[in-house]
Amino acid sequence: MSATVFIDTDLIINSMKEMDSKNPAANATRKQARTILKYLHSTNHPVKITSYNLIELYKGAYSSRRVARNIQAVESVVRETVIIYPGLEDAKECARIIVELDPRGIKVPVLDLLIASIVIVSGDVLYTRNVQHFQNVPRLHYRNWETEETPEFQTT
């Protein structure tokens, strides 16, 4: 594992969601997210998010039925992570990615490209289950937290 990791918005959101007695599959995903987040924090290496992840998290909180509760949950997670803001090299990397993907007709949401560029420049790994968006991003190292099979992520 890299000395530091970035966690994607989907991991954070799933770790914050309440268990649902009517949806065992969703509960398994939420439990997996919590287990992974707990493990990552236990390694004593920084767990990072980008300012773009914050935008996604706050957008979700403000568009929910429980705005105050969800903002509080976002801010609780934020206190446990290092927030990384974009710089010049991140902007250049994002532009390179766009130039590489556009001729091939590959479309990736711009916030995901911005997140990916920060992770690439930092030389770290992104923990996400959003493989559909990130699998086509050149130079990005990511791991699918939902299907992670390494021993430290066993939820048994």
Protein backbone atom coordinates (compact mmCIF):
# COMPACT_ATOMS: atom_id res chain seq x y z
CA MET A 1 0.00 0.00 0.00
CA SER A 2 1.18 3.52 -0.75
CA ALA A 3 2.25 5.59 2.24
CA THR A 4 -0.84 7.72 1.77
CA VAL A 5 -4.11 7.11 0.00
CA PHE A 6 -6.94 9.14 -1.37
CA ILE A 7 -10.49 8.03 -0.71
CA ASP A 8 -13.20 8.75 -3.23
CA THR A 9 -16.57 10.25 -2.49
CA ASP A 10 -18.38 6.91 -2.87
CA LEU A 11 -16.37 5.36 -0.04
CA ILE A 12 -17.15 8.26 2.27
CA ILE A 13 -20.85 8.31 1.41
CA ASN A 14 -21.25 4.56 1.92
CA SER A 15 -19.45 4.73 5.26
CA MET A 16 -21.88 7.44 6.44
CA LYS A 17 -25.13 5.77 5.33
CA GLU A 18 -27.36 4.17 7.92
CA MET A 19 -28.02 0.43 7.82
CA ASP A 20 -31.27 -0.57 6.15
CA SER A 21 -33.06 -3.66 7.45
CA LYS A 22 -34.74 -4.12 4.06
CA ASN A 23 -31.56 -4.08 2.00
CA PRO A 24 -28.89 -6.61 3.06
CA ALA A 25 -26.77 -6.00 -0.06
CA ALA A 26 -26.55 -2.28 0.66
CA ASN A 27 -25.71 -3.07 4.28
CA ALA A 28 -22.83 -5.29 3.17
CA THR A 29 -21.46 -2.45 1.03
CA ARG A 30 -21.81 0.02 3.90
CA LYS A 31 -20.09 -2.37 6.29
CA GLN A 32 -17.27 -2.88 3.79
CA ALA A 33 -16.85 0.90 3.42
CA ARG A 34 -16.67 1.37 7.19
CA THR A 35 -14.19 -1.48 7.57
CA ILE A 36 -11.91 -0.08 4.89
CA LEU A 37 -12.09 3.46 6.22
CA LYS A 38 -11.34 2.22 9.73
CA TYR A 39 -8.40 0.19 8.45
CA LEU A 40 -6.97 3.09 6.43
CA HIS A 41 -7.14 5.39 9.45
CA SER A 42 -5.49 2.73 11.63
CA THR A 43 -2.37 2.63 9.44
CA ASN A 44 -1.21 6.00 10.81
CA HIS A 45 -0.65 7.21 7.27
CA PRO A 46 -2.57 10.25 6.06
CA VAL A 47 -5.92 9.57 4.43
CA LYS A 48 -6.55 12.25 1.84
CA ILE A 49 -9.49 13.70 -0.04
CA THR A 50 -9.50 16.45 -2.63
CA SER A 51 -11.39 19.70 -2.48
CA TYR A 52 -13.42 18.28 -5.37
CA ASN A 53 -14.58 15.40 -3.17
CA LEU A 54 -15.77 18.04 -0.71
CA ILE A 55 -17.87 19.64 -3.45
CA GLU A 56 -19.50 16.28 -4.18
CA LEU A 57 -20.09 15.59 -0.48
CA TYR A 58 -21.61 18.99 0.28
CA LYS A 59 -23.74 18.85 -2.88
CA GLY A 60 -25.16 15.55 -1.65
CA ALA A 61 -25.74 16.92 1.84
CA TYR A 62 -27.49 20.07 0.61
CA SER A 63 -29.71 18.09 -1.77
CA SER A 64 -30.77 15.58 0.90
CA ARG A 65 -33.82 15.56 3.14
CA ARG A 66 -31.64 15.77 6.26
CA VAL A 67 -29.36 18.67 5.37
CA ALA A 68 -28.09 19.53 8.86
CA ARG A 69 -27.43 15.90 9.80
CA ASN A 70 -25.60 15.18 6.56
CA ILE A 71 -23.48 18.33 6.74
CA GLN A 72 -22.48 17.30 10.25
CA ALA A 73 -21.55 13.82 8.96
CA VAL A 74 -19.46 15.32 6.14
CA GLU A 75 -17.64 17.60 8.56
CA SER A 76 -16.96 14.68 10.88
CA VAL A 77 -15.26 12.81 8.04
CA VAL A 78 -13.37 15.92 6.97
CA ARG A 79 -11.82 16.26 10.43
CA GLU A 80 -10.24 12.82 10.01
CA THR A 81 -8.72 13.45 6.57
CA VAL A 82 -6.18 15.67 4.89
CA ILE A 83 -7.76 17.91 2.27
CA ILE A 84 -5.64 18.44 -0.83
CA TYR A 85 -6.23 21.48 -3.01
CA PRO A 86 -5.26 21.61 -6.69
CA GLY A 87 -2.12 23.29 -7.91
CA LEU A 88 -0.42 24.04 -11.19
CA GLU A 89 0.86 20.49 -11.78
CA ASP A 90 -2.60 19.06 -11.11
CA ALA A 91 -4.12 21.39 -13.72
CA LYS A 92 -1.47 20.39 -16.25
CA GLU A 93 -2.06 16.69 -15.58
CA CYS A 94 -5.82 17.11 -15.94
CA ALA A 95 -5.33 18.85 -19.30
CA ARG A 96 -3.04 16.00 -20.46
CA ILE A 97 -5.67 13.43 -19.47
CA ILE A 98 -8.41 15.27 -21.37
CA VAL A 99 -6.21 15.53 -24.47
CA GLU A 100 -5.52 11.78 -24.29
CA LEU A 101 -9.13 10.70 -23.72
CA ASP A 102 -11.03 13.06 -26.05
CA PRO A 103 -9.73 11.63 -29.37
CA ARG A 104 -10.71 8.16 -28.18
CA GLY A 105 -14.24 9.35 -27.38
CA ILE A 106 -13.86 8.47 -23.70
CA LYS A 107 -15.99 10.69 -21.48
CA VAL A 108 -15.24 10.99 -17.77
CA PRO A 109 -17.03 13.51 -15.53
CA VAL A 110 -14.85 16.57 -15.05
CA LEU A 111 -14.82 16.33 -11.24
CA ASP A 112 -13.52 12.77 -11.53
CA LEU A 113 -10.78 13.94 -13.91
CA LEU A 114 -9.81 16.68 -11.47
CA ILE A 115 -9.71 14.18 -8.59
CA ALA A 116 -7.67 11.74 -10.68
CA SER A 117 -5.15 14.39 -11.68
CA ILE A 118 -4.42 15.25 -8.03
CA VAL A 119 -3.97 11.56 -7.16
CA ILE A 120 -1.66 11.02 -10.15
CA VAL A 121 0.53 14.03 -9.38
CA SER A 122 0.80 12.98 -5.73
CA GLY A 123 1.84 9.44 -6.71
CA ASP A 124 -0.76 7.94 -4.41
CA VAL A 125 -3.60 5.42 -4.83
CA LEU A 126 -7.32 6.22 -5.05
CA TYR A 127 -9.74 3.94 -3.22
CA THR A 128 -12.99 3.98 -5.19
CA ARG A 129 -15.66 1.66 -6.47
CA ASN A 130 -16.33 4.00 -9.37
CA VAL A 131 -14.23 1.86 -11.67
CA GLN A 132 -16.34 2.77 -14.70
CA HIS A 133 -15.06 6.36 -14.60
CA PHE A 134 -11.51 5.81 -13.40
CA GLN A 135 -10.45 2.71 -15.36
CA ASN A 136 -9.81 4.77 -18.49
CA VAL A 137 -7.70 7.44 -16.81
CA PRO A 138 -4.07 6.95 -17.83
CA ARG A 139 -1.42 6.86 -15.08
CA LEU A 140 -4.03 6.61 -12.31
CA HIS A 141 -3.47 3.95 -9.66
CA TYR A 142 -6.74 2.96 -8.03
CA ARG A 143 -8.20 0.11 -6.05
CA ASN A 144 -11.81 -1.00 -6.02
CA TRP A 145 -12.70 -0.90 -2.33
CA GLU A 146 -15.92 -2.84 -2.87
CA THR A 147 -14.14 -5.92 -4.18
CA GLU A 148 -10.88 -5.54 -2.25
CA GLU A 149 -9.62 -9.00 -1.37
CA THR A 150 -6.51 -8.27 0.69
CA PRO A 151 -6.59 -9.75 4.21
CA GLU A 152 -6.77 -6.40 5.97
CA PHE A 153 -10.09 -5.71 4.27
CA GLN A 154 -11.86 -8.92 5.23
CA THR A 155 -15.18 -8.07 6.88
CA THR A 156 -15.74 -11.42 8.58
